[in-house]
PDB file of all heavy atoms in Angstrom:
ATOM      1  N   ARG A   1      76.200  82.125  72.665  1.00  0.00           N
ATOM      2  CA  ARG A   1      77.146  81.177  72.073  1.00  0.00           C
ATOM      3  C   ARG A   1      77.130  81.309  70.603  1.00  0.00           C
ATOM      4  O   ARG A   1      76.131  81.745  69.973  1.00  0.00           O
ATOM      5  CB  ARG A   1      76.778  79.756  72.468  1.00  0.00           C
ATOM      6  CG  ARG A   1      75.471  79.200  71.927  1.00  0.00           C
ATOM      7  CD  ARG A   1      75.169  77.836  72.569  1.00  0.00           C
ATOM      8  NE  ARG A   1      76.207  76.882  72.360  1.00  0.00           N
ATOM      9  CZ  ARG A   1      76.316  75.708  72.993  1.00  0.00           C
ATOM     10  NH1 ARG A   1      75.353  75.392  73.858  1.00  0.00           N
ATOM     11  NH2 ARG A   1      77.320  74.872  72.753  1.00  0.00           N
ATOM     12  N   ASP A   2      78.291  81.059  70.024  1.00  0.00           N
ATOM     13  CA  ASP A   2      78.482  81.056  68.600  1.00  0.00           C
ATOM     14  C   ASP A   2      78.932  79.677  68.195  1.00  0.00           C
ATOM     15  O   ASP A   2      80.103  79.315  68.313  1.00  0.00           O
ATOM     16  CB  ASP A   2      79.514  82.128  68.187  1.00  0.00           C
ATOM     17  CG  ASP A   2      79.667  82.288  66.714  1.00  0.00           C
ATOM     18  OD1 ASP A   2      79.359  81.331  65.904  1.00  0.00           O
ATOM     19  OD2 ASP A   2      80.137  83.339  66.243  1.00  0.00           O
ATOM     20  N   LYS A   3      77.988  78.883  67.623  1.00  0.00           N
ATOM     21  CA  LYS A   3      78.333  77.510  67.309  1.00  0.00           C
ATOM     22  C   LYS A   3      79.353  77.422  66.193  1.00  0.00           C
ATOM     23  O   LYS A   3      80.140  76.430  66.155  1.00  0.00           O
ATOM     24  CB  LYS A   3      77.026  76.715  66.999  1.00  0.00           C
ATOM     25  CG  LYS A   3      76.173  76.467  68.237  1.00  0.00           C
ATOM     26  CD  LYS A   3      75.076  75.523  67.931  1.00  0.00           C
ATOM     27  CE  LYS A   3      74.324  75.141  69.220  1.00  0.00           C
ATOM     28  NZ  LYS A   3      73.304  74.116  69.041  1.00  0.00           N
ATOM     29  N   ALA A   4      79.340  78.333  65.273  1.00  0.00           N
ATOM     30  CA  ALA A   4      80.328  78.314  64.188  1.00  0.00           C
ATOM     31  C   ALA A   4      81.721  78.416  64.716  1.00  0.00           C
ATOM     32  O   ALA A   4      82.683  77.921  64.073  1.00  0.00           O
ATOM     33  CB  ALA A   4      79.999  79.401  63.172  1.00  0.00           C
ATOM     34  N   LYS A   5      81.876  79.102  65.836  1.00  0.00           N
ATOM     35  CA  LYS A   5      83.183  79.310  66.456  1.00  0.00           C
ATOM     36  C   LYS A   5      83.446  78.395  67.640  1.00  0.00           C
ATOM     37  O   LYS A   5      84.479  78.524  68.327  1.00  0.00           O
ATOM     38  CB  LYS A   5      83.347  80.789  66.883  1.00  0.00           C
ATOM     39  CG  LYS A   5      83.333  81.777  65.743  1.00  0.00           C
ATOM     40  CD  LYS A   5      83.504  83.177  66.275  1.00  0.00           C
ATOM     41  CE  LYS A   5      83.556  84.194  65.133  1.00  0.00           C
ATOM     42  NZ  LYS A   5      83.735  85.541  65.611  1.00  0.00           N
ATOM     43  N   ASN A   6      82.508  77.516  67.919  1.00  0.00           N
ATOM     44  CA  ASN A   6      82.635  76.605  69.058  1.00  0.00           C
ATOM     45  C   ASN A   6      82.999  77.410  70.326  1.00  0.00           C
ATOM     46  O   ASN A   6      83.851  77.016  71.118  1.00  0.00           O
ATOM     47  CB  ASN A   6      83.729  75.570  68.840  1.00  0.00           C
ATOM     48  CG  ASN A   6      83.215  74.381  68.042  1.00  0.00           C
ATOM     49  OD1 ASN A   6      82.015  74.269  67.759  1.00  0.00           O
ATOM     50  ND2 ASN A   6      84.149  73.500  67.641  1.00  0.00           N
ATOM     51  N   THR A   7      82.263  78.488  70.513  1.00  0.00           N
ATOM     52  CA  THR A   7      82.573  79.349  71.638  1.00  0.00           C
ATOM     53  C   THR A   7      81.311  79.867  72.326  1.00  0.00           C
ATOM     54  O   THR A   7      80.326  80.160  71.656  1.00  0.00           O
ATOM     55  CB  THR A   7      83.391  80.582  71.172  1.00  0.00           C
ATOM     56  OG1 THR A   7      84.606  80.126  70.541  1.00  0.00           O
ATOM     57  CG2 THR A   7      83.744  81.493  72.278  1.00  0.00           C
ATOM     58  N   ALA A   8      81.423  79.915  73.630  1.00  0.00           N
ATOM     59  CA  ALA A   8      80.301  80.537  74.450  1.00  0.00           C
ATOM     60  C   ALA A   8      80.903  81.771  75.143  1.00  0.00           C
ATOM     61  O   ALA A   8      82.101  81.772  75.477  1.00  0.00           O
ATOM     62  CB  ALA A   8      79.795  79.522  75.474  1.00  0.00           C
ATOM     63  N   TYR A   9      80.009  82.748  75.372  1.00  0.00           N
ATOM     64  CA  TYR A   9      80.495  83.998  75.940  1.00  0.00           C
ATOM     65  C   TYR A   9      79.662  84.369  77.212  1.00  0.00           C
ATOM     66  O   TYR A   9      78.465  84.100  77.316  1.00  0.00           O
ATOM     67  CB  TYR A   9      80.310  85.122  74.916  1.00  0.00           C
ATOM     68  CG  TYR A   9      81.024  84.906  73.617  1.00  0.00           C
ATOM     69  CD1 TYR A   9      80.289  84.405  72.470  1.00  0.00           C
ATOM     70  CD2 TYR A   9      82.344  85.203  73.473  1.00  0.00           C
ATOM     71  CE1 TYR A   9      80.962  84.207  71.292  1.00  0.00           C
ATOM     72  CE2 TYR A   9      82.996  84.975  72.267  1.00  0.00           C
ATOM     73  CZ  TYR A   9      82.269  84.477  71.205  1.00  0.00           C
ATOM     74  OH  TYR A   9      82.946  84.210  70.025  1.00  0.00           O
ATOM     75  N   LEU A  10      80.373  84.986  78.116  1.00  0.00           N
ATOM     76  CA  LEU A  10      79.735  85.582  79.290  1.00  0.00           C
ATOM     77  C   LEU A  10      80.047  87.063  79.282  1.00  0.00           C
ATOM     78  O   LEU A  10      81.206  87.451  79.550  1.00  0.00           O
ATOM     79  CB  LEU A  10      80.203  84.909  80.611  1.00  0.00           C
ATOM     80  CG  LEU A  10      79.572  85.467  81.838  1.00  0.00           C
ATOM     81  CD1 LEU A  10      78.070  85.078  81.892  1.00  0.00           C
ATOM     82  CD2 LEU A  10      80.247  84.967  83.114  1.00  0.00           C
ATOM     83  N   GLN A  11      79.064  87.877  78.953  1.00  0.00           N
ATOM     84  CA  GLN A  11      79.235  89.305  78.987  1.00  0.00           C
ATOM     85  C   GLN A  11      78.897  89.829  80.355  1.00  0.00           C
ATOM     86  O   GLN A  11      77.777  89.671  80.859  1.00  0.00           O
ATOM     87  CB  GLN A  11      78.359  89.996  77.910  1.00  0.00           C
ATOM     88  CG  GLN A  11      78.435  91.468  77.914  1.00  0.00           C
ATOM     89  CD  GLN A  11      79.757  92.011  77.483  1.00  0.00           C
ATOM     90  OE1 GLN A  11      80.336  91.501  76.525  1.00  0.00           O
ATOM     91  NE2 GLN A  11      80.297  93.050  78.157  1.00  0.00           N
ATOM     92  N   MET A  12      79.851  90.431  80.999  1.00  0.00           N
ATOM     93  CA  MET A  12      79.693  90.889  82.368  1.00  0.00           C
ATOM     94  C   MET A  12      79.779  92.402  82.413  1.00  0.00           C
ATOM     95  O   MET A  12      80.789  93.038  82.085  1.00  0.00           O
ATOM     96  CB  MET A  12      80.791  90.308  83.299  1.00  0.00           C
ATOM     97  CG  MET A  12      80.867  88.791  83.239  1.00  0.00           C
ATOM     98  SD  MET A  12      82.044  88.099  84.402  1.00  0.00           S
ATOM     99  CE  MET A  12      83.567  88.768  83.809  1.00  0.00           C
ATOM    100  N   ASN A  13      78.620  93.039  82.744  1.00  0.00           N
ATOM    101  CA  ASN A  13      78.557  94.498  82.859  1.00  0.00           C
ATOM    102  C   ASN A  13      78.373  94.973  84.267  1.00  0.00           C
ATOM    103  O   ASN A  13      77.918  94.194  85.146  1.00  0.00           O
ATOM    104  CB  ASN A  13      77.357  94.982  81.950  1.00  0.00           C
ATOM    105  CG  ASN A  13      77.510  94.598  80.468  1.00  0.00           C
ATOM    106  OD1 ASN A  13      78.639  94.588  79.956  1.00  0.00           O
ATOM    107  ND2 ASN A  13      76.430  94.295  79.848  1.00  0.00           N
ATOM    108  N   ILE A  14      78.631  96.205  84.495  1.00  0.00           N
ATOM    109  CA  ILE A  14      78.428  96.806  85.821  1.00  0.00           C
ATOM    110  C   ILE A  14      79.088  95.909  86.861  1.00  0.00           C
ATOM    111  O   ILE A  14      78.427  95.531  87.868  1.00  0.00           O
ATOM    112  CB  ILE A  14      76.957  97.091  86.127  1.00  0.00           C
ATOM    113  CG1 ILE A  14      76.243  97.689  84.960  1.00  0.00           C
ATOM    114  CG2 ILE A  14      76.867  98.118  87.345  1.00  0.00           C
ATOM    115  CD1 ILE A  14      74.759  97.828  85.157  1.00  0.00           C
ATOM    116  N   LEU A  15      80.320  95.573  86.677  1.00  0.00           N
ATOM    117  CA  LEU A  15      81.032  94.652  87.591  1.00  0.00           C
ATOM    118  C   LEU A  15      81.134  95.264  88.963  1.00  0.00           C
ATOM    119  O   LEU A  15      81.337  96.479  89.125  1.00  0.00           O
ATOM    120  CB  LEU A  15      82.368  94.288  87.029  1.00  0.00           C
ATOM    121  CG  LEU A  15      82.332  93.255  85.961  1.00  0.00           C
ATOM    122  CD1 LEU A  15      83.591  93.203  85.093  1.00  0.00           C
ATOM    123  CD2 LEU A  15      82.100  91.867  86.503  1.00  0.00           C
ATOM    124  N   LYS A  16      81.043  94.383  89.976  1.00  0.00           N
ATOM    125  CA  LYS A  16      81.088  94.781  91.354  1.00  0.00           C
ATOM    126  C   LYS A  16      82.330  94.116  91.986  1.00  0.00           C
ATOM    127  O   LYS A  16      82.790  93.086  91.509  1.00  0.00           O
ATOM    128  CB  LYS A  16      79.891  94.407  92.112  1.00  0.00           C
ATOM    129  CG  LYS A  16      78.601  94.986  91.559  1.00  0.00           C
ATOM    130  CD  LYS A  16      77.382  94.465  92.299  1.00  0.00           C
ATOM    131  CE  LYS A  16      76.083  95.037  91.741  1.00  0.00           C
ATOM    132  NZ  LYS A  16      74.898  94.537  92.495  1.00  0.00           N
ATOM    133  N   VAL A  17      82.799  94.635  93.097  1.00  0.00           N
ATOM    134  CA  VAL A  17      83.936  94.054  93.798  1.00  0.00           C
ATOM    135  C   VAL A  17      83.609  92.649  94.174  1.00  0.00           C
ATOM    136  O   VAL A  17      84.499  91.706  94.069  1.00  0.00           O
ATOM    137  CB  VAL A  17      84.267  94.847  95.055  1.00  0.00           C
ATOM    138  CG1 VAL A  17      85.304  94.133  95.925  1.00  0.00           C
ATOM    139  CG2 VAL A  17      84.756  96.213  94.670  1.00  0.00           C
ATOM    140  N   GLU A  18      82.336  92.370  94.486  1.00  0.00           N
ATOM    141  CA  GLU A  18      81.966  90.961  94.910  1.00  0.00           C
ATOM    142  C   GLU A  18      81.926  89.985  93.738  1.00  0.00           C
ATOM    143  O   GLU A  18      81.694  88.804  93.945  1.00  0.00           O
ATOM    144  CB  GLU A  18      80.642  91.018  95.645  1.00  0.00           C
ATOM    145  CG  GLU A  18      79.509  91.725  94.936  1.00  0.00           C
ATOM    146  CD  GLU A  18      79.396  93.173  95.457  1.00  0.00           C
ATOM    147  OE1 GLU A  18      80.434  93.845  95.656  1.00  0.00           O
ATOM    148  OE2 GLU A  18      78.230  93.655  95.612  1.00  0.00           O
ATOM    149  N   ASP A  19      82.089  90.497  92.552  1.00  0.00           N
ATOM    150  CA  ASP A  19      82.208  89.564  91.368  1.00  0.00           C
ATOM    151  C   ASP A  19      83.645  88.974  91.243  1.00  0.00           C
ATOM    152  O   ASP A  19      83.902  88.121  90.402  1.00  0.00           O
ATOM    153  CB  ASP A  19      81.890  90.351  90.083  1.00  0.00           C
ATOM    154  CG  ASP A  19      80.424  90.705  89.992  1.00  0.00           C
ATOM    155  OD1 ASP A  19      79.571  89.907  90.429  1.00  0.00           O
ATOM    156  OD2 ASP A  19      80.140  91.824  89.561  1.00  0.00           O
ATOM    157  N   THR A  20      84.555  89.433  92.075  1.00  0.00           N
ATOM    158  CA  THR A  20      85.943  88.975  92.021  1.00  0.00           C
ATOM    159  C   THR A  20      85.989  87.480  92.337  1.00  0.00           C
ATOM    160  O   THR A  20      85.481  87.058  93.361  1.00  0.00           O
ATOM    161  CB  THR A  20      86.773  89.752  93.012  1.00  0.00           C
ATOM    162  OG1 THR A  20      86.890  91.119  92.610  1.00  0.00           O
ATOM    163  CG2 THR A  20      88.217  89.149  93.070  1.00  0.00           C
ATOM    164  N   ALA A  21      86.568  86.697  91.406  1.00  0.00           N
ATOM    165  CA  ALA A  21      86.616  85.258  91.575  1.00  0.00           C
ATOM    166  C   ALA A  21      87.369  84.650  90.370  1.00  0.00           C
ATOM    167  O   ALA A  21      87.641  85.375  89.414  1.00  0.00           O
ATOM    168  CB  ALA A  21      85.194  84.664  91.626  1.00  0.00           C
ATOM    169  N   VAL A  22      87.646  83.378  90.518  1.00  0.00           N
ATOM    170  CA  VAL A  22      88.115  82.619  89.314  1.00  0.00           C
ATOM    171  C   VAL A  22      86.814  82.092  88.690  1.00  0.00           C
ATOM    172  O   VAL A  22      85.964  81.473  89.355  1.00  0.00           O
ATOM    173  CB  VAL A  22      89.054  81.462  89.763  1.00  0.00           C
ATOM    174  CG1 VAL A  22      89.394  80.664  88.523  1.00  0.00           C
ATOM    175  CG2 VAL A  22      90.230  82.000  90.484  1.00  0.00           C
ATOM    176  N   TYR A  23      86.700  82.325  87.400  1.00  0.00           N
ATOM    177  CA  TYR A  23      85.526  81.894  86.645  1.00  0.00           C
ATOM    178  C   TYR A  23      85.866  80.662  85.848  1.00  0.00           C
ATOM    179  O   TYR A  23      86.843  80.632  85.082  1.00  0.00           O
ATOM    180  CB  TYR A  23      85.064  83.042  85.722  1.00  0.00           C
ATOM    181  CG  TYR A  23      84.337  84.112  86.488  1.00  0.00           C
ATOM    182  CD1 TYR A  23      85.002  84.974  87.364  1.00  0.00           C
ATOM    183  CD2 TYR A  23      82.914  84.280  86.348  1.00  0.00           C
ATOM    184  CE1 TYR A  23      84.311  85.943  88.062  1.00  0.00           C
ATOM    185  CE2 TYR A  23      82.274  85.266  87.034  1.00  0.00           C
ATOM    186  CZ  TYR A  23      82.961  86.097  87.887  1.00  0.00           C
ATOM    187  OH  TYR A  23      82.279  87.089  88.617  1.00  0.00           O
ATOM    188  N   PHE A  24      85.037  79.661  85.980  1.00  0.00           N
ATOM    189  CA  PHE A  24      85.260  78.376  85.281  1.00  0.00           C
ATOM    190  C   PHE A  24      84.131  78.142  84.292  1.00  0.00           C
ATOM    191  O   PHE A  24      82.943  78.315  84.570  1.00  0.00           O
ATOM    192  CB  PHE A  24      85.240  77.203  86.298  1.00  0.00           C
ATOM    193  CG  PHE A  24      86.375  77.255  87.325  1.00  0.00           C
ATOM    194  CD1 PHE A  24      86.195  77.931  88.486  1.00  0.00           C
ATOM    195  CD2 PHE A  24      87.518  76.601  87.048  1.00  0.00           C
ATOM    196  CE1 PHE A  24      87.224  77.945  89.424  1.00  0.00           C
ATOM    197  CE2 PHE A  24      88.572  76.675  87.956  1.00  0.00           C
ATOM    198  CZ  PHE A  24      88.423  77.340  89.157  1.00  0.00           C
ATOM    199  N   CYS A  25      84.463  77.696  83.141  1.00  0.00           N
ATOM    200  CA  CYS A  25      83.508  77.255  82.098  1.00  0.00           C
ATOM    201  C   CYS A  25      83.350  75.722  82.260  1.00  0.00           C
ATOM    202  O   CYS A  25      84.281  75.006  82.512  1.00  0.00           O
ATOM    203  CB  CYS A  25      84.069  77.590  80.750  1.00  0.00           C
ATOM    204  SG  CYS A  25      83.121  76.972  79.338  1.00  0.00           S
ATOM    205  N   ALA A  26      82.090  75.270  82.091  1.00  0.00           N
ATOM    206  CA  ALA A  26      81.814  73.876  82.166  1.00  0.00           C
ATOM    207  C   ALA A  26      80.791  73.533  81.065  1.00  0.00           C
ATOM    208  O   ALA A  26      80.047  74.358  80.658  1.00  0.00           O
ATOM    209  CB  ALA A  26      81.239  73.493  83.573  1.00  0.00           C
ATOM    210  N   SER A  27      80.829  72.268  80.717  1.00  0.00           N
ATOM    211  CA  SER A  27      79.845  71.839  79.678  1.00  0.00           C
ATOM    212  C   SER A  27      79.443  70.431  79.870  1.00  0.00           C
ATOM    213  O   SER A  27      80.014  69.645  80.591  1.00  0.00           O
ATOM    214  CB  SER A  27      80.388  72.029  78.252  1.00  0.00           C
ATOM    215  OG  SER A  27      81.294  71.006  77.944  1.00  0.00           O
ATOM    216  N   LYS A  28      78.298  70.058  79.273  1.00  0.00           N
ATOM    217  CA  LYS A  28      77.771  68.683  79.353  1.00  0.00           C
ATOM    218  C   LYS A  28      76.927  68.407  78.118  1.00  0.00           C
ATOM    219  O   LYS A  28      76.247  69.370  77.591  1.00  0.00           O
ATOM    220  CB  LYS A  28      76.914  68.475  80.584  1.00  0.00           C
ATOM    221  CG  LYS A  28      75.653  69.397  80.653  1.00  0.00           C
ATOM    222  CD  LYS A  28      74.793  69.104  81.851  1.00  0.00           C
ATOM    223  CE  LYS A  28      73.624  70.045  81.878  1.00  0.00           C
ATOM    224  NZ  LYS A  28      72.710  69.723  83.032  1.00  0.00           N
TER     225      LYS A  28
END
């Protein structure tokens, strides 16, 4: 996460077919 940019990141490497999905961000 980069607090200065109010942004969180998910770096996904070596992606597989089974990673196919809708990805949702959530916070609390």
